[in-house]
Amino acid sequence: MKKFIKVAGLSLAVLTTSLVANAAQAAEKIGYVNTAKVFQTLPQREAIAKKLQSEFKDQKAQLDSLQKKIQTKMDKVRRDGQLLSEDDMRKLQIEIGSLQAEYKVQGQSLERDAQQREAAEKQKLFVTIQDAIKEVSEKQGYDMIIDAQALQYAKPDSDITDAVIKELK
């Protein structure tokens, strides 16, 4: 009889725990979104890329012009190197070195500025994406949304990526 009571008590405890766990699980609705896919489908992304390209067009043209000057001087060294005096050759090499240093500095500056502007624009887009995710999750009654990259496994019916893309268009 004691064994029966222990078994019955244990069974009741397991059953109660199971019911409480199921109730807690049913209370939360969790979904996921593939933010990389959403970002790739944004039409604003291409417009921003063109905007940034035109914004840095003049600096890029200056850099290309400097590269052409360097190439012209190097061609002159190869072509006329044996005809030039040692002094003229040294001056030409110093001039090429100076132009190459200037090219390197301007190139690094352009790259750094372009990366900073691109990061700022991407950040604006991600804020827009986050707002759309929040809007969709509230409409569909989700308690929590997780990025798809952080998941090991999830059922496809918990994916709100397409709904977020529709919200953004």
N, C-alpha and C. Protein backbone atom coordinates (compact mmCIF):
# COMPACT_ATOMS: atom_id res chain seq x y z
N MET A 1 0.81 -1.18 0.00
CA MET A 1 0.00 0.00 0.00
C MET A 1 0.86 1.26 0.00
N LYS A 2 1.95 1.21 0.81
CA LYS A 2 2.85 2.37 0.85
C LYS A 2 3.44 2.62 -0.53
N LYS A 3 3.81 1.52 -1.20
CA LYS A 3 4.39 1.66 -2.54
C LYS A 3 3.37 2.27 -3.48
N PHE A 4 2.15 1.86 -3.39
CA PHE A 4 1.09 2.38 -4.25
C PHE A 4 0.90 3.88 -4.03
N ILE A 5 0.93 4.31 -2.79
CA ILE A 5 0.75 5.73 -2.46
C ILE A 5 1.94 6.53 -3.00
N LYS A 6 3.16 5.98 -2.84
CA LYS A 6 4.36 6.66 -3.35
C LYS A 6 4.27 6.79 -4.88
N VAL A 7 3.90 5.71 -5.54
CA VAL A 7 3.80 5.72 -7.00
C VAL A 7 2.72 6.69 -7.44
N ALA A 8 1.58 6.67 -6.79
CA ALA A 8 0.48 7.58 -7.12
C ALA A 8 0.90 9.02 -6.89
N GLY A 9 1.57 9.28 -5.79
CA GLY A 9 2.04 10.65 -5.49
C GLY A 9 3.06 11.12 -6.51
N LEU A 10 3.99 10.24 -6.87
CA LEU A 10 4.99 10.57 -7.87
C LEU A 10 4.35 10.81 -9.23
N SER A 11 3.40 10.00 -9.59
CA SER A 11 2.69 10.16 -10.86
C SER A 11 1.95 11.49 -10.89
N LEU A 12 1.32 11.83 -9.80
CA LEU A 12 0.59 13.09 -9.70
C LEU A 12 1.54 14.28 -9.83
N ALA A 13 2.71 14.18 -9.20
CA ALA A 13 3.71 15.25 -9.29
C ALA A 13 4.20 15.42 -10.73
N VAL A 14 4.50 14.34 -11.42
CA VAL A 14 4.96 14.39 -12.81
C VAL A 14 3.88 14.96 -13.70
N LEU A 15 2.65 14.51 -13.50
CA LEU A 15 1.53 15.00 -14.29
C LEU A 15 1.32 16.50 -14.09
N THR A 16 1.38 16.95 -12.86
CA THR A 16 1.21 18.37 -12.55
C THR A 16 2.33 19.19 -13.17
N THR A 17 3.55 18.73 -13.05
CA THR A 17 4.70 19.43 -13.65
C THR A 17 4.55 19.49 -15.15
N SER A 18 4.12 18.42 -15.75
CA SER A 18 3.93 18.37 -17.20
C SER A 18 2.86 19.36 -17.64
N LEU A 19 1.75 19.42 -16.92
CA LEU A 19 0.67 20.35 -17.26
C LEU A 19 1.12 21.80 -17.11
N VAL A 20 1.85 22.10 -16.05
CA VAL A 20 2.34 23.46 -15.83
C VAL A 20 3.33 23.84 -16.93
N ALA A 21 4.21 22.93 -17.31
CA ALA A 21 5.19 23.20 -18.37
C ALA A 21 4.48 23.44 -19.70
N ASN A 22 3.46 22.64 -20.02
CA ASN A 22 2.71 22.83 -21.26
C ASN A 22 1.95 24.15 -21.25
N ALA A 23 1.40 24.52 -20.13
CA ALA A 23 0.68 25.79 -20.02
C ALA A 23 1.64 26.96 -20.20
N ALA A 24 2.82 26.86 -19.61
CA ALA A 24 3.81 27.94 -19.75
C ALA A 24 4.29 28.02 -21.19
N GLN A 25 4.47 26.88 -21.82
CA GLN A 25 4.93 26.86 -23.20
C GLN A 25 3.87 27.44 -24.12
N ALA A 26 2.62 27.12 -23.87
CA ALA A 26 1.53 27.62 -24.71
C ALA A 26 1.35 29.12 -24.55
N ALA A 27 1.77 29.68 -23.44
CA ALA A 27 1.58 31.10 -23.17
C ALA A 27 2.51 31.96 -24.02
N GLU A 28 3.64 31.44 -24.42
CA GLU A 28 4.60 32.22 -25.20
C GLU A 28 4.57 31.80 -26.66
N LYS A 29 4.52 32.79 -27.52
CA LYS A 29 4.56 32.53 -28.96
C LYS A 29 5.88 33.09 -29.47
N ILE A 30 6.73 32.21 -29.97
CA ILE A 30 8.07 32.58 -30.39
C ILE A 30 8.19 32.38 -31.89
N GLY A 31 8.74 33.38 -32.56
CA GLY A 31 8.96 33.30 -33.99
C GLY A 31 10.40 33.65 -34.33
N TYR A 32 10.71 33.58 -35.60
CA TYR A 32 12.05 33.95 -36.02
C TYR A 32 11.99 34.67 -37.36
N VAL A 33 13.06 35.42 -37.64
CA VAL A 33 13.14 36.19 -38.87
C VAL A 33 14.58 36.12 -39.40
N ASN A 34 14.70 36.03 -40.69
CA ASN A 34 16.01 36.02 -41.34
C ASN A 34 16.31 37.46 -41.76
N THR A 35 17.00 38.21 -40.88
CA THR A 35 17.26 39.63 -41.15
C THR A 35 18.18 39.82 -42.35
N ALA A 36 19.06 38.87 -42.61
CA ALA A 36 19.95 38.99 -43.78
C ALA A 36 19.12 38.95 -45.06
N LYS A 37 18.16 38.06 -45.13
CA LYS A 37 17.29 37.96 -46.30
C LYS A 37 16.45 39.23 -46.45
N VAL A 38 15.94 39.73 -45.35
CA VAL A 38 15.15 40.96 -45.38
C VAL A 38 16.01 42.11 -45.90
N PHE A 39 17.23 42.21 -45.40
CA PHE A 39 18.15 43.28 -45.82
C PHE A 39 18.45 43.18 -47.32
N GLN A 40 18.67 41.97 -47.82
CA GLN A 40 18.99 41.78 -49.23
C GLN A 40 17.84 42.16 -50.15
N THR A 41 16.61 42.05 -49.67
CA THR A 41 15.45 42.34 -50.53
C THR A 41 15.00 43.80 -50.45
N LEU A 42 15.62 44.59 -49.60
CA LEU A 42 15.20 45.99 -49.47
C LEU A 42 15.51 46.78 -50.75
N PRO A 43 14.54 47.44 -51.31
CA PRO A 43 14.81 48.28 -52.49
C PRO A 43 15.66 49.51 -52.13
N GLN A 44 15.57 49.97 -50.89
CA GLN A 44 16.36 51.13 -50.46
C GLN A 44 17.85 50.84 -50.48
N ARG A 45 18.21 49.57 -50.34
CA ARG A 45 19.63 49.19 -50.29
C ARG A 45 20.36 49.60 -51.57
N GLU A 46 19.74 49.34 -52.70
CA GLU A 46 20.36 49.69 -53.99
C GLU A 46 20.41 51.19 -54.17
N ALA A 47 19.38 51.89 -53.75
CA ALA A 47 19.36 53.35 -53.86
C ALA A 47 20.46 53.97 -53.01
N ILE A 48 20.68 53.41 -51.84
CA ILE A 48 21.75 53.92 -50.97
C ILE A 48 23.11 53.64 -51.58
N ALA A 49 23.28 52.48 -52.17
CA ALA A 49 24.56 52.14 -52.81
C ALA A 49 24.86 53.13 -53.94
N LYS A 50 23.86 53.47 -54.74
CA LYS A 50 24.06 54.45 -55.82
C LYS A 50 24.35 55.82 -55.25
N LYS A 51 23.67 56.18 -54.19
CA LYS A 51 23.89 57.48 -53.55
C LYS A 51 25.32 57.59 -53.04
N LEU A 52 25.80 56.55 -52.39
CA LEU A 52 27.17 56.55 -51.86
C LEU A 52 28.19 56.58 -52.99
N GLN A 53 27.88 55.87 -54.07
CA GLN A 53 28.78 55.84 -55.21
C GLN A 53 28.92 57.24 -55.80
N SER A 54 27.81 57.95 -55.95
CA SER A 54 27.88 59.30 -56.50
C SER A 54 28.52 60.27 -55.51
N GLU A 55 28.32 60.02 -54.22
CA GLU A 55 28.89 60.88 -53.19
C GLU A 55 30.42 60.85 -53.21
N PHE A 56 30.99 59.69 -53.49
CA PHE A 56 32.44 59.54 -53.48
C PHE A 56 33.04 59.52 -54.89
N LYS A 57 32.24 59.88 -55.89
CA LYS A 57 32.68 59.84 -57.28
C LYS A 57 33.87 60.78 -57.52
N ASP A 58 33.83 61.99 -57.00
CA ASP A 58 34.91 62.95 -57.22
C ASP A 58 36.22 62.49 -56.59
N GLN A 59 36.14 61.97 -55.37
CA GLN A 59 37.36 61.48 -54.72
C GLN A 59 37.94 60.29 -55.49
N LYS A 60 37.06 59.44 -55.98
CA LYS A 60 37.51 58.28 -56.77
C LYS A 60 38.17 58.74 -58.06
N ALA A 61 37.62 59.79 -58.69
CA ALA A 61 38.20 60.32 -59.92
C ALA A 61 39.59 60.91 -59.65
N GLN A 62 39.74 61.59 -58.52
CA GLN A 62 41.06 62.13 -58.15
C GLN A 62 42.07 60.99 -57.96
N LEU A 63 41.63 59.95 -57.33
CA LEU A 63 42.50 58.80 -57.10
C LEU A 63 42.89 58.14 -58.42
N ASP A 64 41.93 58.02 -59.34
CA ASP A 64 42.23 57.44 -60.65
C ASP A 64 43.21 58.31 -61.42
N SER A 65 43.04 59.61 -61.32
CA SER A 65 43.94 60.55 -61.99
C SER A 65 45.36 60.42 -61.44
N LEU A 66 45.47 60.31 -60.15
CA LEU A 66 46.77 60.13 -59.50
C LEU A 66 47.41 58.82 -59.94
N GLN A 67 46.62 57.78 -60.05
CA GLN A 67 47.12 56.48 -60.51
C GLN A 67 47.66 56.58 -61.94
N LYS A 68 46.97 57.33 -62.79
CA LYS A 68 47.42 57.51 -64.17
C LYS A 68 48.75 58.28 -64.22
N LYS A 69 48.90 59.30 -63.36
CA LYS A 69 50.15 60.05 -63.29
C LYS A 69 51.30 59.12 -62.91
N ILE A 70 51.05 58.29 -61.91
CA ILE A 70 52.08 57.35 -61.46
C ILE A 70 52.46 56.40 -62.60
N GLN A 71 51.45 55.89 -63.29
CA GLN A 71 51.70 54.95 -64.39
C GLN A 71 52.47 55.63 -65.52
N THR A 72 52.13 56.87 -65.82
CA THR A 72 52.82 57.61 -66.87
C THR A 72 54.29 57.79 -66.52
N LYS A 73 54.56 58.16 -65.27
CA LYS A 73 55.96 58.36 -64.82
C LYS A 73 56.72 57.04 -64.84
N MET A 74 56.07 55.95 -64.44
CA MET A 74 56.75 54.65 -64.44
C MET A 74 57.04 54.19 -65.88
N ASP A 75 56.12 54.48 -66.78
CA ASP A 75 56.34 54.16 -68.19
C ASP A 75 57.53 54.94 -68.72
N LYS A 76 57.65 56.20 -68.31
CA LYS A 76 58.76 57.05 -68.75
C LYS A 76 60.09 56.47 -68.23
N VAL A 77 60.10 56.00 -67.00
CA VAL A 77 61.33 55.39 -66.44
C VAL A 77 61.71 54.16 -67.25
N ARG A 78 60.74 53.32 -67.57
CA ARG A 78 61.03 52.11 -68.35
C ARG A 78 61.49 52.44 -69.77
N ARG A 79 60.80 53.41 -70.35
CA ARG A 79 61.07 53.75 -71.75
C ARG A 79 62.38 54.55 -71.90
N ASP A 80 62.54 55.57 -71.05
CA ASP A 80 63.67 56.49 -71.21
C ASP A 80 64.73 56.33 -70.13
N GLY A 81 64.65 55.30 -69.33
CA GLY A 81 65.56 55.13 -68.20
C GLY A 81 67.03 55.16 -68.57
N GLN A 82 67.40 54.58 -69.68
CA GLN A 82 68.81 54.54 -70.07
C GLN A 82 69.27 55.86 -70.67
N LEU A 83 68.34 56.66 -71.17
CA LEU A 83 68.69 57.93 -71.79
C LEU A 83 68.78 59.07 -70.77
N LEU A 84 68.14 58.92 -69.63
CA LEU A 84 68.13 59.97 -68.61
C LEU A 84 69.43 59.97 -67.83
N SER A 85 69.82 61.17 -67.38
CA SER A 85 71.00 61.26 -66.53
C SER A 85 70.66 60.67 -65.16
N GLU A 86 71.68 60.38 -64.42
CA GLU A 86 71.48 59.78 -63.10
C GLU A 86 70.68 60.72 -62.19
N ASP A 87 70.94 62.00 -62.30
CA ASP A 87 70.24 63.00 -61.49
C ASP A 87 68.75 63.08 -61.88
N ASP A 88 68.47 63.09 -63.20
CA ASP A 88 67.08 63.13 -63.66
C ASP A 88 66.34 61.85 -63.26
N MET A 89 67.02 60.73 -63.33
CA MET A 89 66.42 59.46 -62.96
C MET A 89 66.05 59.45 -61.47
N ARG A 90 66.95 59.97 -60.64
CA ARG A 90 66.70 60.03 -59.20
C ARG A 90 65.51 60.95 -58.91
N LYS A 91 65.44 62.10 -59.59
CA LYS A 91 64.31 63.03 -59.41
C LYS A 91 63.00 62.36 -59.80
N LEU A 92 63.03 61.63 -60.89
CA LEU A 92 61.83 60.95 -61.36
C LEU A 92 61.39 59.86 -60.38
N GLN A 93 62.34 59.14 -59.84
CA GLN A 93 62.02 58.10 -58.86
C GLN A 93 61.47 58.71 -57.56
N ILE A 94 62.03 59.83 -57.15
CA ILE A 94 61.52 60.53 -55.96
C ILE A 94 60.10 61.02 -56.21
N GLU A 95 59.87 61.55 -57.40
CA GLU A 95 58.54 62.03 -57.77
C GLU A 95 57.53 60.88 -57.77
N ILE A 96 57.93 59.74 -58.31
CA ILE A 96 57.05 58.55 -58.32
C ILE A 96 56.77 58.10 -56.89
N GLY A 97 57.78 58.07 -56.07
CA GLY A 97 57.61 57.68 -54.66
C GLY A 97 56.66 58.62 -53.94
N SER A 98 56.79 59.89 -54.18
CA SER A 98 55.91 60.89 -53.56
C SER A 98 54.47 60.71 -54.03
N LEU A 99 54.29 60.49 -55.35
CA LEU A 99 52.95 60.27 -55.88
C LEU A 99 52.33 58.98 -55.31
N GLN A 100 53.14 57.94 -55.18
CA GLN A 100 52.63 56.69 -54.62
C GLN A 100 52.22 56.85 -53.15
N ALA A 101 52.99 57.62 -52.40
CA ALA A 101 52.64 57.87 -51.00
C ALA A 101 51.34 58.67 -50.92
N GLU A 102 51.21 59.66 -51.78
CA GLU A 102 49.98 60.46 -51.82
C GLU A 102 48.79 59.59 -52.21
N TYR A 103 48.99 58.70 -53.17
CA TYR A 103 47.94 57.78 -53.61
C TYR A 103 47.50 56.88 -52.46
N LYS A 104 48.47 56.38 -51.73
CA LYS A 104 48.16 55.49 -50.61
C LYS A 104 47.36 56.22 -49.53
N VAL A 105 47.77 57.44 -49.19
CA VAL A 105 47.08 58.22 -48.16
C VAL A 105 45.66 58.56 -48.60
N GLN A 106 45.52 59.02 -49.84
CA GLN A 106 44.19 59.37 -50.34
C GLN A 106 43.29 58.13 -50.46
N GLY A 107 43.87 57.02 -50.88
CA GLY A 107 43.11 55.77 -51.01
C GLY A 107 42.60 55.28 -49.66
N GLN A 108 43.46 55.34 -48.66
CA GLN A 108 43.05 54.92 -47.31
C GLN A 108 41.97 55.84 -46.76
N SER A 109 42.12 57.13 -47.00
CA SER A 109 41.13 58.10 -46.54
C SER A 109 39.78 57.86 -47.21
N LEU A 110 39.80 57.64 -48.52
CA LEU A 110 38.57 57.37 -49.26
C LEU A 110 37.91 56.10 -48.76
N GLU A 111 38.68 55.06 -48.57
CA GLU A 111 38.13 53.78 -48.11
C GLU A 111 37.52 53.92 -46.71
N ARG A 112 38.22 54.62 -45.82
CA ARG A 112 37.73 54.81 -44.46
C ARG A 112 36.42 55.61 -44.47
N ASP A 113 36.40 56.72 -45.22
CA ASP A 113 35.19 57.55 -45.30
C ASP A 113 34.02 56.78 -45.89
N ALA A 114 34.29 56.03 -46.94
CA ALA A 114 33.23 55.25 -47.59
C ALA A 114 32.68 54.18 -46.65
N GLN A 115 33.55 53.52 -45.91
CA GLN A 115 33.11 52.49 -44.97
C GLN A 115 32.27 53.10 -43.84
N GLN A 116 32.67 54.27 -43.36
CA GLN A 116 31.91 54.92 -42.29
C GLN A 116 30.52 55.33 -42.78
N ARG A 117 30.44 55.89 -43.97
CA ARG A 117 29.15 56.31 -44.52
C ARG A 117 28.26 55.09 -44.78
N GLU A 118 28.86 54.03 -45.31
CA GLU A 118 28.09 52.82 -45.59
C GLU A 118 27.55 52.22 -44.29
N ALA A 119 28.38 52.20 -43.26
CA ALA A 119 27.94 51.66 -41.96
C ALA A 119 26.80 52.50 -41.39
N ALA A 120 26.88 53.81 -41.53
CA ALA A 120 25.82 54.68 -41.02
C ALA A 120 24.51 54.43 -41.77
N GLU A 121 24.60 54.28 -43.08
CA GLU A 121 23.39 54.02 -43.88
C GLU A 121 22.81 52.65 -43.59
N LYS A 122 23.66 51.65 -43.39
CA LYS A 122 23.19 50.31 -43.05
C LYS A 122 22.49 50.32 -41.70
N GLN A 123 23.05 51.09 -40.78
CA GLN A 123 22.44 51.18 -39.45
C GLN A 123 21.02 51.75 -39.55
N LYS A 124 20.83 52.75 -40.40
CA LYS A 124 19.49 53.32 -40.60
C LYS A 124 18.54 52.26 -41.15
N LEU A 125 19.04 51.45 -42.10
CA LEU A 125 18.20 50.40 -42.67
C LEU A 125 17.84 49.34 -41.63
N PHE A 126 18.79 48.98 -40.79
CA PHE A 126 18.51 47.98 -39.77
C PHE A 126 17.51 48.48 -38.73
N VAL A 127 17.52 49.79 -38.46
CA VAL A 127 16.50 50.36 -37.57
C VAL A 127 15.13 50.22 -38.22
N THR A 128 15.06 50.48 -39.52
CA THR A 128 13.81 50.33 -40.26
C THR A 128 13.34 48.87 -40.22
N ILE A 129 14.27 47.94 -40.40
CA ILE A 129 13.94 46.52 -40.34
C ILE A 129 13.43 46.15 -38.95
N GLN A 130 14.10 46.63 -37.91
CA GLN A 130 13.68 46.33 -36.53
C GLN A 130 12.27 46.85 -36.26
N ASP A 131 11.96 48.04 -36.78
CA ASP A 131 10.62 48.59 -36.61
C ASP A 131 9.57 47.71 -37.30
N ALA A 132 9.90 47.22 -38.50
CA ALA A 132 8.98 46.35 -39.24
C ALA A 132 8.80 45.01 -38.51
N ILE A 133 9.88 44.48 -37.96
CA ILE A 133 9.79 43.22 -37.19
C ILE A 133 8.87 43.42 -35.98
N LYS A 134 9.04 44.52 -35.31
CA LYS A 134 8.20 44.81 -34.13
C LYS A 134 6.73 44.92 -34.54
N GLU A 135 6.48 45.61 -35.63
CA GLU A 135 5.11 45.79 -36.12
C GLU A 135 4.47 44.44 -36.46
N VAL A 136 5.18 43.61 -37.22
CA VAL A 136 4.66 42.30 -37.61
C VAL A 136 4.45 41.40 -36.39
N SER A 137 5.40 41.40 -35.48
CA SER A 137 5.28 40.53 -34.30
C SER A 137 4.10 40.96 -33.42
N GLU A 138 3.84 42.25 -33.33
CA GLU A 138 2.70 42.70 -32.55
C GLU A 138 1.38 42.34 -33.24
N LYS A 139 1.34 42.49 -34.56
CA LYS A 139 0.13 42.14 -35.31
C LYS A 139 -0.19 40.65 -35.20
N GLN A 140 0.86 39.82 -35.24
CA GLN A 140 0.65 38.37 -35.23
C GLN A 140 0.69 37.75 -33.83
N GLY A 141 0.88 38.59 -32.82
CA GLY A 141 0.82 38.12 -31.44
C GLY A 141 2.02 37.35 -30.94
N TYR A 142 3.21 37.64 -31.45
CA TYR A 142 4.42 36.97 -30.98
C TYR A 142 4.94 37.64 -29.73
N ASP A 143 5.42 36.82 -28.80
CA ASP A 143 6.02 37.33 -27.57
C ASP A 143 7.51 37.57 -27.75
N MET A 144 8.10 36.80 -28.65
CA MET A 144 9.55 36.88 -28.84
C MET A 144 9.88 36.55 -30.29
N ILE A 145 10.83 37.31 -30.86
CA ILE A 145 11.33 37.04 -32.20
C ILE A 145 12.85 36.88 -32.11
N ILE A 146 13.33 35.82 -32.73
CA ILE A 146 14.77 35.50 -32.72
C ILE A 146 15.29 35.57 -34.15
N ASP A 147 16.52 36.01 -34.30
CA ASP A 147 17.14 36.02 -35.63
C ASP A 147 17.43 34.59 -36.07
N ALA A 148 17.17 34.29 -37.32
CA ALA A 148 17.32 32.93 -37.85
C ALA A 148 18.75 32.41 -37.72
N GLN A 149 19.71 33.30 -37.73
CA GLN A 149 21.11 32.86 -37.64
C GLN A 149 21.43 32.29 -36.26
N ALA A 150 20.63 32.62 -35.26
CA ALA A 150 20.88 32.12 -33.90
C ALA A 150 20.17 30.80 -33.63
N LEU A 151 19.43 30.30 -34.59
CA LEU A 151 18.63 29.09 -34.38
C LEU A 151 19.36 27.82 -34.82
N GLN A 152 19.08 26.78 -34.11
CA GLN A 152 19.51 25.45 -34.52
C GLN A 152 18.42 24.81 -35.37
N TYR A 153 17.18 24.95 -34.87
CA TYR A 153 16.03 24.37 -35.56
C TYR A 153 14.78 25.15 -35.17
N ALA A 154 13.90 25.32 -36.13
CA ALA A 154 12.59 25.91 -35.87
C ALA A 154 11.64 25.48 -36.98
N LYS A 155 10.39 25.40 -36.64
CA LYS A 155 9.38 25.02 -37.63
C LYS A 155 9.17 26.19 -38.59
N PRO A 156 8.97 25.88 -39.86
CA PRO A 156 8.78 26.94 -40.87
C PRO A 156 7.58 27.84 -40.60
N ASP A 157 6.57 27.34 -39.88
CA ASP A 157 5.41 28.17 -39.63
C ASP A 157 5.68 29.28 -38.61
N SER A 158 6.84 29.27 -37.96
CA SER A 158 7.22 30.32 -37.02
C SER A 158 8.04 31.42 -37.70
N ASP A 159 8.29 31.26 -39.00
CA ASP A 159 9.10 32.22 -39.76
C ASP A 159 8.24 33.41 -40.19
N ILE A 160 8.66 34.62 -39.80
CA ILE A 160 7.91 35.83 -40.18
C ILE A 160 8.68 36.67 -41.20
N THR A 161 9.70 36.10 -41.80
CA THR A 161 10.55 36.85 -42.74
C THR A 161 9.74 37.45 -43.88
N ASP A 162 8.90 36.66 -44.52
CA ASP A 162 8.12 37.16 -45.65
C ASP A 162 7.14 38.25 -45.22
N ALA A 163 6.57 38.11 -44.05
CA ALA A 163 5.65 39.13 -43.54
C ALA A 163 6.40 40.45 -43.29
N VAL A 164 7.63 40.36 -42.81
CA VAL A 164 8.42 41.57 -42.58
C VAL A 164 8.77 42.23 -43.92
N ILE A 165 9.12 41.42 -44.91
CA ILE A 165 9.42 41.97 -46.23
C ILE A 165 8.19 42.69 -46.81
N LYS A 166 7.01 42.09 -46.66
CA LYS A 166 5.78 42.74 -47.12
C LYS A 166 5.54 44.04 -46.37
N GLU A 167 5.81 44.05 -45.10
CA GLU A 167 5.62 45.25 -44.27
C GLU A 167 6.52 46.39 -44.74
N LEU A 168 7.70 46.06 -45.21
CA LEU A 168 8.66 47.08 -45.64
C LEU A 168 8.35 47.64 -47.04
N LYS A 169 7.60 46.90 -47.84
CA LYS A 169 7.33 47.36 -49.20
C LYS A 169 6.12 48.22 -49.30
